[in-house]
Amino acid sequence: MDFLAELVAWVLFGALAGWLTAKFMHLKTEFWGNTVLGIIGAIIGGAIVELLGGAGVTGFNIYSLLVAIFGSCVFTWVVRKLDKRGDL
């Protein structure tokens, strides 16, 4: 896969993971917010799963999507705990 195609695939993957997280965590985000949330989630989720002895994000598959959603939920939870207003 060339660079541009891979970049587009990661953006769409992040958008899907972020959108599913937004639905689950009741967030009011749009496409780019979902995308950033999903990509951050993939990084955080992959790191946590690897620390626990599993495989992190392994490509474009259901397992990696679940890891990204898990990481996005963890990230959202932490941000909500740190946000004094609690309106995230």
PDB file of N, CA and C in Angstrom:
ATOM      1  N   MET A   1       0.853  -1.173   0.000  1.00  0.00           N
ATOM      2  CA  MET A   1       0.000   0.000   0.000  1.00  0.00           C
ATOM      3  C   MET A   1       0.896   1.232   0.000  1.00  0.00           C
ATOM      4  N   ASP A   2       0.618   2.175  -0.866  1.00  0.00           N
ATOM      5  CA  ASP A   2       1.449   3.369  -0.887  1.00  0.00           C
ATOM      6  C   ASP A   2       1.065   4.301   0.268  1.00  0.00           C
ATOM      7  N   PHE A   3       1.878   5.305   0.499  1.00  0.00           N
ATOM      8  CA  PHE A   3       1.735   6.170   1.672  1.00  0.00           C
ATOM      9  C   PHE A   3       0.374   6.844   1.749  1.00  0.00           C
ATOM     10  N   LEU A   4      -0.093   7.421   0.649  1.00  0.00           N
ATOM     11  CA  LEU A   4      -1.357   8.152   0.663  1.00  0.00           C
ATOM     12  C   LEU A   4      -2.525   7.212   0.953  1.00  0.00           C
ATOM     13  N   ALA A   5      -2.528   6.049   0.345  1.00  0.00           N
ATOM     14  CA  ALA A   5      -3.600   5.083   0.588  1.00  0.00           C
ATOM     15  C   ALA A   5      -3.584   4.617   2.042  1.00  0.00           C
ATOM     16  N   GLU A   6      -2.392   4.403   2.583  1.00  0.00           N
ATOM     17  CA  GLU A   6      -2.283   3.989   3.977  1.00  0.00           C
ATOM     18  C   GLU A   6      -2.752   5.098   4.916  1.00  0.00           C
ATOM     19  N   LEU A   7      -2.414   6.329   4.612  1.00  0.00           N
ATOM     20  CA  LEU A   7      -2.851   7.468   5.421  1.00  0.00           C
ATOM     21  C   LEU A   7      -4.377   7.589   5.406  1.00  0.00           C
ATOM     22  N   VAL A   8      -4.981   7.459   4.245  1.00  0.00           N
ATOM     23  CA  VAL A   8      -6.441   7.518   4.134  1.00  0.00           C
ATOM     24  C   VAL A   8      -7.073   6.364   4.915  1.00  0.00           C
ATOM     25  N   ALA A   9      -6.495   5.187   4.825  1.00  0.00           N
ATOM     26  CA  ALA A   9      -7.028   4.036   5.560  1.00  0.00           C
ATOM     27  C   ALA A   9      -6.963   4.268   7.068  1.00  0.00           C
ATOM     28  N   TRP A  10      -5.854   4.816   7.570  1.00  0.00           N
ATOM     29  CA  TRP A  10      -5.732   5.095   9.006  1.00  0.00           C
ATOM     30  C   TRP A  10      -6.715   6.174   9.446  1.00  0.00           C
ATOM     31  N   VAL A  11      -6.932   7.190   8.603  1.00  0.00           N
ATOM     32  CA  VAL A  11      -7.901   8.243   8.939  1.00  0.00           C
ATOM     33  C   VAL A  11      -9.306   7.638   9.036  1.00  0.00           C
ATOM     34  N   LEU A  12      -9.673   6.809   8.073  1.00  0.00           N
ATOM     35  CA  LEU A  12     -10.990   6.179   8.104  1.00  0.00           C
ATOM     36  C   LEU A  12     -11.127   5.202   9.272  1.00  0.00           C
ATOM     37  N   PHE A  13     -10.067   4.463   9.551  1.00  0.00           N
ATOM     38  CA  PHE A  13     -10.053   3.548  10.693  1.00  0.00           C
ATOM     39  C   PHE A  13     -10.225   4.329  11.996  1.00  0.00           C
ATOM     40  N   GLY A  14      -9.493   5.432  12.137  1.00  0.00           N
ATOM     41  CA  GLY A  14      -9.617   6.280  13.317  1.00  0.00           C
ATOM     42  C   GLY A  14     -11.004   6.880  13.435  1.00  0.00           C
ATOM     43  N   ALA A  15     -11.569   7.311  12.308  1.00  0.00           N
ATOM     44  CA  ALA A  15     -12.914   7.890  12.313  1.00  0.00           C
ATOM     45  C   ALA A  15     -13.948   6.865  12.766  1.00  0.00           C
ATOM     46  N   LEU A  16     -13.826   5.644  12.298  1.00  0.00           N
ATOM     47  CA  LEU A  16     -14.762   4.588  12.699  1.00  0.00           C
ATOM     48  C   LEU A  16     -14.624   4.276  14.189  1.00  0.00           C
ATOM     49  N   ALA A  17     -13.402   4.096  14.648  1.00  0.00           N
ATOM     50  CA  ALA A  17     -13.181   3.811  16.068  1.00  0.00           C
ATOM     51  C   ALA A  17     -13.670   4.968  16.930  1.00  0.00           C
ATOM     52  N   GLY A  18     -13.386   6.194  16.522  1.00  0.00           N
ATOM     53  CA  GLY A  18     -13.828   7.366  17.273  1.00  0.00           C
ATOM     54  C   GLY A  18     -15.333   7.513  17.267  1.00  0.00           C
ATOM     55  N   TRP A  19     -15.961   7.242  16.128  1.00  0.00           N
ATOM     56  CA  TRP A  19     -17.415   7.345  16.038  1.00  0.00           C
ATOM     57  C   TRP A  19     -18.085   6.324  16.956  1.00  0.00           C
ATOM     58  N   LEU A  20     -17.590   5.082  16.945  1.00  0.00           N
ATOM     59  CA  LEU A  20     -18.156   4.057  17.830  1.00  0.00           C
ATOM     60  C   LEU A  20     -17.941   4.417  19.295  1.00  0.00           C
ATOM     61  N   THR A  21     -16.773   4.954  19.614  1.00  0.00           N
ATOM     62  CA  THR A  21     -16.510   5.400  20.984  1.00  0.00           C
ATOM     63  C   THR A  21     -17.453   6.529  21.364  1.00  0.00           C
ATOM     64  N   ALA A  22     -17.647   7.481  20.459  1.00  0.00           N
ATOM     65  CA  ALA A  22     -18.540   8.616  20.727  1.00  0.00           C
ATOM     66  C   ALA A  22     -19.960   8.134  21.014  1.00  0.00           C
ATOM     67  N   LYS A  23     -20.420   7.142  20.295  1.00  0.00           N
ATOM     68  CA  LYS A  23     -21.754   6.587  20.541  1.00  0.00           C
ATOM     69  C   LYS A  23     -21.805   5.913  21.912  1.00  0.00           C
ATOM     70  N   PHE A  24     -20.788   5.144  22.231  1.00  0.00           N
ATOM     71  CA  PHE A  24     -20.738   4.401  23.490  1.00  0.00           C
ATOM     72  C   PHE A  24     -20.587   5.331  24.693  1.00  0.00           C
ATOM     73  N   MET A  25     -19.757   6.370  24.556  1.00  0.00           N
ATOM     74  CA  MET A  25     -19.454   7.272  25.666  1.00  0.00           C
ATOM     75  C   MET A  25     -20.322   8.544  25.642  1.00  0.00           C
ATOM     76  N   HIS A  26     -21.280   8.619  24.728  1.00  0.00           N
ATOM     77  CA  HIS A  26     -22.204   9.750  24.612  1.00  0.00           C
ATOM     78  C   HIS A  26     -21.464  11.076  24.419  1.00  0.00           C
ATOM     79  N   LEU A  27     -20.599  11.105  23.413  1.00  0.00           N
ATOM     80  CA  LEU A  27     -19.852  12.315  23.070  1.00  0.00           C
ATOM     81  C   LEU A  27     -20.522  13.010  21.893  1.00  0.00           C
ATOM     82  N   LYS A  28     -20.351  14.306  21.825  1.00  0.00           N
ATOM     83  CA  LYS A  28     -20.874  15.086  20.701  1.00  0.00           C
ATOM     84  C   LYS A  28     -19.695  15.546  19.857  1.00  0.00           C
ATOM     85  N   THR A  29     -19.170  14.654  19.049  1.00  0.00           N
ATOM     86  CA  THR A  29     -18.029  14.973  18.199  1.00  0.00           C
ATOM     87  C   THR A  29     -18.425  14.836  16.733  1.00  0.00           C
ATOM     88  N   GLU A  30     -17.624  15.434  15.880  1.00  0.00           N
ATOM     89  CA  GLU A  30     -17.847  15.360  14.442  1.00  0.00           C
ATOM     90  C   GLU A  30     -16.723  14.523  13.816  1.00  0.00           C
ATOM     91  N   PHE A  31     -16.658  14.503  12.504  1.00  0.00           N
ATOM     92  CA  PHE A  31     -15.726  13.615  11.790  1.00  0.00           C
ATOM     93  C   PHE A  31     -14.287  13.752  12.275  1.00  0.00           C
ATOM     94  N   TRP A  32     -13.740  14.967  12.289  1.00  0.00           N
ATOM     95  CA  TRP A  32     -12.325  15.123  12.648  1.00  0.00           C
ATOM     96  C   TRP A  32     -12.095  14.852  14.130  1.00  0.00           C
ATOM     97  N   GLY A  33     -13.058  15.201  14.969  1.00  0.00           N
ATOM     98  CA  GLY A  33     -12.945  14.873  16.392  1.00  0.00           C
ATOM     99  C   GLY A  33     -12.948  13.374  16.604  1.00  0.00           C
ATOM    100  N   ASN A  34     -13.837  12.682  15.882  1.00  0.00           N
ATOM    101  CA  ASN A  34     -13.867  11.220  15.950  1.00  0.00           C
ATOM    102  C   ASN A  34     -12.558  10.617  15.461  1.00  0.00           C
ATOM    103  N   THR A  35     -12.033  11.187  14.385  1.00  0.00           N
ATOM    104  CA  THR A  35     -10.796  10.671  13.802  1.00  0.00           C
ATOM    105  C   THR A  35      -9.637  10.797  14.787  1.00  0.00           C
ATOM    106  N   VAL A  36      -9.487  11.971  15.369  1.00  0.00           N
ATOM    107  CA  VAL A  36      -8.412  12.185  16.340  1.00  0.00           C
ATOM    108  C   VAL A  36      -8.609  11.271  17.555  1.00  0.00           C
ATOM    109  N   LEU A  37      -9.847  11.182  18.035  1.00  0.00           N
ATOM    110  CA  LEU A  37     -10.142  10.307  19.173  1.00  0.00           C
ATOM    111  C   LEU A  37      -9.779   8.859  18.857  1.00  0.00           C
ATOM    112  N   GLY A  38     -10.135   8.395  17.671  1.00  0.00           N
ATOM    113  CA  GLY A  38      -9.838   7.012  17.278  1.00  0.00           C
ATOM    114  C   GLY A  38      -8.351   6.741  17.140  1.00  0.00           C
ATOM    115  N   ILE A  39      -7.610   7.688  16.584  1.00  0.00           N
ATOM    116  CA  ILE A  39      -6.162   7.496  16.423  1.00  0.00           C
ATOM    117  C   ILE A  39      -5.467   7.522  17.784  1.00  0.00           C
ATOM    118  N   ILE A  40      -5.853   8.472  18.647  1.00  0.00           N
ATOM    119  CA  ILE A  40      -5.298   8.501  20.009  1.00  0.00           C
ATOM    120  C   ILE A  40      -5.662   7.206  20.731  1.00  0.00           C
ATOM    121  N   GLY A  41      -6.891   6.760  20.537  1.00  0.00           N
ATOM    122  CA  GLY A  41      -7.329   5.505  21.155  1.00  0.00           C
ATOM    123  C   GLY A  41      -6.526   4.304  20.696  1.00  0.00           C
ATOM    124  N   ALA A  42      -6.183   4.273  19.412  1.00  0.00           N
ATOM    125  CA  ALA A  42      -5.381   3.167  18.897  1.00  0.00           C
ATOM    126  C   ALA A  42      -3.999   3.157  19.545  1.00  0.00           C
ATOM    127  N   ILE A  43      -3.431   4.333  19.732  1.00  0.00           N
ATOM    128  CA  ILE A  43      -2.106   4.431  20.362  1.00  0.00           C
ATOM    129  C   ILE A  43      -2.185   4.017  21.829  1.00  0.00           C
ATOM    130  N   ILE A  44      -3.144   4.577  22.565  1.00  0.00           N
ATOM    131  CA  ILE A  44      -3.279   4.276  23.992  1.00  0.00           C
ATOM    132  C   ILE A  44      -3.697   2.822  24.200  1.00  0.00           C
ATOM    133  N   GLY A  45      -4.700   2.387  23.463  1.00  0.00           N
ATOM    134  CA  GLY A  45      -5.165   1.003  23.592  1.00  0.00           C
ATOM    135  C   GLY A  45      -4.085   0.000  23.239  1.00  0.00           C
ATOM    136  N   GLY A  46      -3.353   0.281  22.164  1.00  0.00           N
ATOM    137  CA  GLY A  46      -2.255  -0.615  21.779  1.00  0.00           C
ATOM    138  C   GLY A  46      -1.190  -0.699  22.851  1.00  0.00           C
ATOM    139  N   ALA A  47      -0.854   0.444  23.455  1.00  0.00           N
ATOM    140  CA  ALA A  47       0.159   0.457  24.514  1.00  0.00           C
ATOM    141  C   ALA A  47      -0.312  -0.316  25.740  1.00  0.00           C
ATOM    142  N   ILE A  48      -1.571  -0.111  26.131  1.00  0.00           N
ATOM    143  CA  ILE A  48      -2.095  -0.815  27.313  1.00  0.00           C
ATOM    144  C   ILE A  48      -2.134  -2.318  27.074  1.00  0.00           C
ATOM    145  N   VAL A  49      -2.636  -2.723  25.930  1.00  0.00           N
ATOM    146  CA  VAL A  49      -2.738  -4.156  25.625  1.00  0.00           C
ATOM    147  C   VAL A  49      -1.349  -4.789  25.557  1.00  0.00           C
ATOM    148  N   GLU A  50      -0.385  -4.088  24.971  1.00  0.00           N
ATOM    149  CA  GLU A  50       0.981  -4.617  24.927  1.00  0.00           C
ATOM    150  C   GLU A  50       1.586  -4.726  26.324  1.00  0.00           C
ATOM    151  N   LEU A  51       1.310  -3.740  27.192  1.00  0.00           N
ATOM    152  CA  LEU A  51       1.798  -3.815  28.576  1.00  0.00           C
ATOM    153  C   LEU A  51       1.208  -5.007  29.318  1.00  0.00           C
ATOM    154  N   LEU A  52       0.004  -5.410  28.935  1.00  0.00           N
ATOM    155  CA  LEU A  52      -0.651  -6.561  29.557  1.00  0.00           C
ATOM    156  C   LEU A  52      -0.250  -7.880  28.896  1.00  0.00           C
ATOM    157  N   GLY A  53       0.632  -7.818  27.906  1.00  0.00           N
ATOM    158  CA  GLY A  53       1.155  -9.026  27.280  1.00  0.00           C
ATOM    159  C   GLY A  53       0.474  -9.442  25.993  1.00  0.00           C
ATOM    160  N   GLY A  54      -0.462  -8.659  25.521  1.00  0.00           N
ATOM    161  CA  GLY A  54      -1.149  -8.995  24.279  1.00  0.00           C
ATOM    162  C   GLY A  54      -0.552  -8.272  23.098  1.00  0.00           C
ATOM    163  N   ALA A  55      -1.179  -8.466  21.955  1.00  0.00           N
ATOM    164  CA  ALA A  55      -0.772  -7.763  20.745  1.00  0.00           C
ATOM    165  C   ALA A  55      -1.549  -6.467  20.674  1.00  0.00           C
ATOM    166  N   GLY A  56      -0.881  -5.379  20.350  1.00  0.00           N
ATOM    167  CA  GLY A  56      -1.548  -4.083  20.223  1.00  0.00           C
ATOM    168  C   GLY A  56      -2.341  -4.023  18.932  1.00  0.00           C
ATOM    169  N   VAL A  57      -2.327  -2.897  18.280  1.00  0.00           N
ATOM    170  CA  VAL A  57      -3.002  -2.746  16.992  1.00  0.00           C
ATOM    171  C   VAL A  57      -2.191  -3.510  15.956  1.00  0.00           C
ATOM    172  N   THR A  58      -2.853  -4.465  15.291  1.00  0.00           N
ATOM    173  CA  THR A  58      -2.139  -5.362  14.380  1.00  0.00           C
ATOM    174  C   THR A  58      -2.455  -5.107  12.911  1.00  0.00           C
ATOM    175  N   GLY A  59      -3.236  -4.097  12.621  1.00  0.00           N
ATOM    176  CA  GLY A  59      -3.591  -3.802  11.239  1.00  0.00           C
ATOM    177  C   GLY A  59      -5.037  -3.365  11.166  1.00  0.00           C
ATOM    178  N   PHE A  60      -5.636  -3.520  10.012  1.00  0.00           N
ATOM    179  CA  PHE A  60      -7.025  -3.118   9.815  1.00  0.00           C
ATOM    180  C   PHE A  60      -7.920  -4.335   9.962  1.00  0.00           C
ATOM    181  N   ASN A  61      -8.292  -4.649  11.213  1.00  0.00           N
ATOM    182  CA  ASN A  61      -9.132  -5.802  11.502  1.00  0.00           C
ATOM    183  C   ASN A  61     -10.001  -5.507  12.725  1.00  0.00           C
ATOM    184  N   ILE A  62     -10.914  -6.402  13.020  1.00  0.00           N
ATOM    185  CA  ILE A  62     -11.847  -6.204  14.140  1.00  0.00           C
ATOM    186  C   ILE A  62     -11.106  -6.116  15.464  1.00  0.00           C
ATOM    187  N   TYR A  63     -10.100  -6.954  15.663  1.00  0.00           N
ATOM    188  CA  TYR A  63      -9.330  -6.923  16.907  1.00  0.00           C
ATOM    189  C   TYR A  63      -8.714  -5.542  17.124  1.00  0.00           C
ATOM    190  N   SER A  64      -8.085  -5.000  16.121  1.00  0.00           N
ATOM    191  CA  SER A  64      -7.463  -3.683  16.236  1.00  0.00           C
ATOM    192  C   SER A  64      -8.507  -2.598  16.458  1.00  0.00           C
ATOM    193  N   LEU A  65      -9.662  -2.744  15.835  1.00  0.00           N
ATOM    194  CA  LEU A  65     -10.744  -1.784  16.050  1.00  0.00           C
ATOM    195  C   LEU A  65     -11.184  -1.804  17.515  1.00  0.00           C
ATOM    196  N   LEU A  66     -11.309  -2.990  18.090  1.00  0.00           N
ATOM    197  CA  LEU A  66     -11.688  -3.108  19.503  1.00  0.00           C
ATOM    198  C   LEU A  66     -10.610  -2.528  20.421  1.00  0.00           C
ATOM    199  N   VAL A  67      -9.353  -2.737  20.076  1.00  0.00           N
ATOM    200  CA  VAL A  67      -8.256  -2.151  20.856  1.00  0.00           C
ATOM    201  C   VAL A  67      -8.325  -0.624  20.794  1.00  0.00           C
ATOM    202  N   ALA A  68      -8.579  -0.086  19.617  1.00  0.00           N
ATOM    203  CA  ALA A  68      -8.678   1.373  19.450  1.00  0.00           C
ATOM    204  C   ALA A  68      -9.873   1.933  20.217  1.00  0.00           C
ATOM    205  N   ILE A  69     -10.996   1.237  20.185  1.00  0.00           N
ATOM    206  CA  ILE A  69     -12.178   1.683  20.937  1.00  0.00           C
ATOM    207  C   ILE A  69     -11.886   1.638  22.430  1.00  0.00           C
ATOM    208  N   PHE A  70     -11.253   0.567  22.889  1.00  0.00           N
ATOM    209  CA  PHE A  70     -10.870   0.461  24.301  1.00  0.00           C
ATOM    210  C   PHE A  70      -9.985   1.644  24.703  1.00  0.00           C
ATOM    211  N   GLY A  71      -8.967   1.923  23.912  1.00  0.00           N
ATOM    212  CA  GLY A  71      -8.067   3.037  24.206  1.00  0.00           C
ATOM    213  C   GLY A  71      -8.775   4.379  24.173  1.00  0.00           C
ATOM    214  N   SER A  72      -9.703   4.545  23.240  1.00  0.00           N
ATOM    215  CA  SER A  72     -10.471   5.791  23.160  1.00  0.00           C
ATOM    216  C   SER A  72     -11.364   5.972  24.379  1.00  0.00           C
ATOM    217  N   CYS A  73     -11.947   4.884  24.852  1.00  0.00           N
ATOM    218  CA  CYS A  73     -12.785   4.952  26.057  1.00  0.00           C
ATOM    219  C   CYS A  73     -11.939   5.299  27.279  1.00  0.00           C
ATOM    220  N   VAL A  74     -10.758   4.704  27.386  1.00  0.00           N
ATOM    221  CA  VAL A  74      -9.850   5.026  28.493  1.00  0.00           C
ATOM    222  C   VAL A  74      -9.462   6.496  28.430  1.00  0.00           C
ATOM    223  N   PHE A  75      -9.099   6.963  27.249  1.00  0.00           N
ATOM    224  CA  PHE A  75      -8.716   8.366  27.066  1.00  0.00           C
ATOM    225  C   PHE A  75      -9.872   9.297  27.447  1.00  0.00           C
ATOM    226  N   THR A  76     -11.075   8.984  26.978  1.00  0.00           N
ATOM    227  CA  THR A  76     -12.245   9.814  27.296  1.00  0.00           C
ATOM    228  C   THR A  76     -12.509   9.834  28.792  1.00  0.00           C
ATOM    229  N   TRP A  77     -12.407   8.686  29.429  1.00  0.00           N
ATOM    230  CA  TRP A  77     -12.621   8.592  30.878  1.00  0.00           C
ATOM    231  C   TRP A  77     -11.612   9.457  31.639  1.00  0.00           C
ATOM    232  N   VAL A  78     -10.335   9.375  31.251  1.00  0.00           N
ATOM    233  CA  VAL A  78      -9.299  10.169  31.925  1.00  0.00           C
ATOM    234  C   VAL A  78      -9.550  11.657  31.725  1.00  0.00           C
ATOM    235  N   VAL A  79      -9.871  12.062  30.499  1.00  0.00           N
ATOM    236  CA  VAL A  79     -10.124  13.472  30.230  1.00  0.00           C
ATOM    237  C   VAL A  79     -11.327  13.959  31.045  1.00  0.00           C
ATOM    238  N   ARG A  80     -12.357  13.154  31.128  1.00  0.00           N
ATOM    239  CA  ARG A  80     -13.525  13.537  31.928  1.00  0.00           C
ATOM    240  C   ARG A  80     -13.168  13.684  33.397  1.00  0.00           C
ATOM    241  N   LYS A  81     -12.322  12.814  33.903  1.00  0.00           N
ATOM    242  CA  LYS A  81     -11.905  12.904  35.304  1.00  0.00           C
ATOM    243  C   LYS A  81     -11.066  14.156  35.554  1.00  0.00           C
ATOM    244  N   LEU A  82     -10.264  14.563  34.594  1.00  0.00           N
ATOM    245  CA  LEU A  82      -9.413  15.727  34.741  1.00  0.00           C
ATOM    246  C   LEU A  82     -10.153  17.036  34.457  1.00  0.00           C
ATOM    247  N   ASP A  83     -11.235  16.960  33.705  1.00  0.00           N
ATOM    248  CA  ASP A  83     -11.985  18.158  33.333  1.00  0.00           C
ATOM    249  C   ASP A  83     -12.913  18.541  34.479  1.00  0.00           C
ATOM    250  N   LYS A  84     -12.697  19.692  35.049  1.00  0.00           N
ATOM    251  CA  LYS A  84     -13.478  20.139  36.202  1.00  0.00           C
ATOM    252  C   LYS A  84     -14.946  20.375  35.858  1.00  0.00           C
ATOM    253  N   ARG A  85     -15.205  20.783  34.600  1.00  0.00           N
ATOM    254  CA  ARG A  85     -16.579  21.058  34.207  1.00  0.00           C
ATOM    255  C   ARG A  85     -17.370  19.777  33.962  1.00  0.00           C
ATOM    256  N   GLY A  86     -16.687  18.712  33.523  1.00  0.00           N
ATOM    257  CA  GLY A  86     -17.351  17.442  33.263  1.00  0.00           C
ATOM    258  C   GLY A  86     -18.272  17.445  32.068  1.00  0.00           C
ATOM    259  N   ASP A  87     -18.084  18.393  31.128  1.00  0.00           N
ATOM    260  CA  ASP A  87     -18.993  18.472  29.986  1.00  0.00           C
ATOM    261  C   ASP A  87     -18.431  17.876  28.705  1.00  0.00           C
ATOM    262  N   LEU A  88     -17.391  17.077  28.797  1.00  0.00           N
ATOM    263  CA  LEU A  88     -16.825  16.440  27.603  1.00  0.00           C
ATOM    264  C   LEU A  88     -17.729  15.326  27.158  1.00  0.00           C
TER     265      LEU A  88
END
